[in-house]
Amino acid sequence: MSVSGLCEVCERREVVGGCERCGKLVCAKHVDEETGYCTACYAEVYGHREAHERGGDRDERDHPDGVGEYRF
């Protein structure tokens, strides 16, 4: 099966595959090759700090403690 389109996380890069946990189509930057999880699922399962250290989601989402992210 081939996939094409834009990453469902950043909506900027070409899709390389789907998350093994949630099924989102993601680019190479937003997938953990070892687990096959997207960066969001990896952060939920293993914690955001470890996901960030492993090269996960490094966009403008590095919030200080106590600051959340809102999605509408």
C-alpha atoms as a PDB file:
ATOM      1  CA  MET A   1       0.000   0.000   0.000  1.00  0.00           C
ATOM      2  CA  SER A   2       1.399   3.381  -0.912  1.00  0.00           C
ATOM      3  CA  VAL A   3       0.406   6.578   0.836  1.00  0.00           C
ATOM      4  CA  SER A   4       0.673  10.131  -0.386  1.00  0.00           C
ATOM      5  CA  GLY A   5      -0.319  13.484   0.969  1.00  0.00           C
ATOM      6  CA  LEU A   6       0.710  15.752   3.786  1.00  0.00           C
ATOM      7  CA  CYS A   7       1.625  14.810   7.341  1.00  0.00           C
ATOM      8  CA  GLU A   8      -1.373  14.993   9.699  1.00  0.00           C
ATOM      9  CA  VAL A   9       0.820  16.503  12.442  1.00  0.00           C
ATOM     10  CA  CYS A  10       2.669  19.344  10.674  1.00  0.00           C
ATOM     11  CA  GLU A  11       0.673  19.489   7.401  1.00  0.00           C
ATOM     12  CA  ARG A  12       3.889  20.504   5.594  1.00  0.00           C
ATOM     13  CA  ARG A  13       5.908  17.396   4.737  1.00  0.00           C
ATOM     14  CA  GLU A  14       5.195  14.368   2.567  1.00  0.00           C
ATOM     15  CA  VAL A  15       3.805  11.287   4.342  1.00  0.00           C
ATOM     16  CA  VAL A  16       6.144   8.298   4.847  1.00  0.00           C
ATOM     17  CA  GLY A  17       3.738   6.009   6.712  1.00  0.00           C
ATOM     18  CA  GLY A  18       1.089   5.628   9.362  1.00  0.00           C
ATOM     19  CA  CYS A  19       1.251   5.533  13.146  1.00  0.00           C
ATOM     20  CA  GLU A  20       1.025   1.976  14.503  1.00  0.00           C
ATOM     21  CA  ARG A  21      -1.138   3.191  17.402  1.00  0.00           C
ATOM     22  CA  CYS A  22      -3.589   5.822  16.093  1.00  0.00           C
ATOM     23  CA  GLY A  23      -3.233   5.461  12.322  1.00  0.00           C
ATOM     24  CA  LYS A  24      -2.350   9.099  11.562  1.00  0.00           C
ATOM     25  CA  LEU A  25      -0.393   9.559   8.345  1.00  0.00           C
ATOM     26  CA  VAL A  26       2.911  11.171   9.317  1.00  0.00           C
ATOM     27  CA  CYS A  27       6.174  12.437   7.814  1.00  0.00           C
ATOM     28  CA  ALA A  28       9.631  11.164   8.758  1.00  0.00           C
ATOM     29  CA  LYS A  29      10.045  13.947  11.353  1.00  0.00           C
ATOM     30  CA  HIS A  30       6.899  12.966  13.250  1.00  0.00           C
ATOM     31  CA  VAL A  31       7.334   9.203  13.533  1.00  0.00           C
ATOM     32  CA  ASP A  32       9.511   7.223  15.925  1.00  0.00           C
ATOM     33  CA  GLU A  33      11.141   4.589  13.723  1.00  0.00           C
ATOM     34  CA  GLU A  34      11.758   2.210  16.619  1.00  0.00           C
ATOM     35  CA  THR A  35       8.117   1.987  17.777  1.00  0.00           C
ATOM     36  CA  GLY A  36       6.268   3.132  14.658  1.00  0.00           C
ATOM     37  CA  TYR A  37       4.308   5.651  16.768  1.00  0.00           C
ATOM     38  CA  CYS A  38       3.669   9.254  15.754  1.00  0.00           C
ATOM     39  CA  THR A  39       5.230  11.819  18.088  1.00  0.00           C
ATOM     40  CA  ALA A  40       1.880  12.487  19.804  1.00  0.00           C
ATOM     41  CA  CYS A  41       1.315   8.800  20.633  1.00  0.00           C
ATOM     42  CA  TYR A  42       4.937   8.349  21.659  1.00  0.00           C
ATOM     43  CA  ALA A  43       4.617  11.281  24.079  1.00  0.00           C
ATOM     44  CA  GLU A  44       1.389   9.808  25.545  1.00  0.00           C
ATOM     45  CA  VAL A  45       2.905   6.370  26.064  1.00  0.00           C
ATOM     46  CA  TYR A  46       6.466   7.224  27.058  1.00  0.00           C
ATOM     47  CA  GLY A  47       6.181  10.833  28.246  1.00  0.00           C
ATOM     48  CA  HIS A  48       6.848  14.120  26.482  1.00  0.00           C
ATOM     49  CA  ARG A  49      10.324  14.661  27.940  1.00  0.00           C
ATOM     50  CA  GLU A  50      11.664  11.358  26.601  1.00  0.00           C
ATOM     51  CA  ALA A  51       9.974  11.917  23.237  1.00  0.00           C
ATOM     52  CA  HIS A  52      11.642  15.318  22.974  1.00  0.00           C
ATOM     53  CA  GLU A  53      15.053  13.906  23.916  1.00  0.00           C
ATOM     54  CA  ARG A  54      14.730  11.232  21.233  1.00  0.00           C
ATOM     55  CA  GLY A  55      14.205  13.849  18.539  1.00  0.00           C
ATOM     56  CA  GLY A  56      10.445  13.959  18.535  1.00  0.00           C
ATOM     57  CA  ASP A  57       8.253  16.974  18.017  1.00  0.00           C
ATOM     58  CA  ARG A  58      10.576  20.010  18.093  1.00  0.00           C
ATOM     59  CA  ASP A  59       8.328  22.591  16.472  1.00  0.00           C
ATOM     60  CA  GLU A  60       7.275  25.669  18.377  1.00  0.00           C
ATOM     61  CA  ARG A  61       5.690  23.378  21.008  1.00  0.00           C
ATOM     62  CA  ASP A  62       8.404  23.653  23.655  1.00  0.00           C
ATOM     63  CA  HIS A  63       6.180  25.245  26.282  1.00  0.00           C
ATOM     64  CA  PRO A  64       7.436  26.168  29.752  1.00  0.00           C
ATOM     65  CA  ASP A  65       5.905  24.279  32.674  1.00  0.00           C
ATOM     66  CA  GLY A  66       2.312  25.239  33.348  1.00  0.00           C
ATOM     67  CA  VAL A  67       1.580  26.318  29.786  1.00  0.00           C
ATOM     68  CA  GLY A  68      -0.628  24.045  27.734  1.00  0.00           C
ATOM     69  CA  GLU A  69      -1.515  23.751  24.105  1.00  0.00           C
ATOM     70  CA  TYR A  70      -5.025  24.372  22.910  1.00  0.00           C
ATOM     71  CA  ARG A  71      -6.438  22.947  19.684  1.00  0.00           C
ATOM     72  CA  PHE A  72      -9.696  24.074  18.181  1.00  0.00           C
END
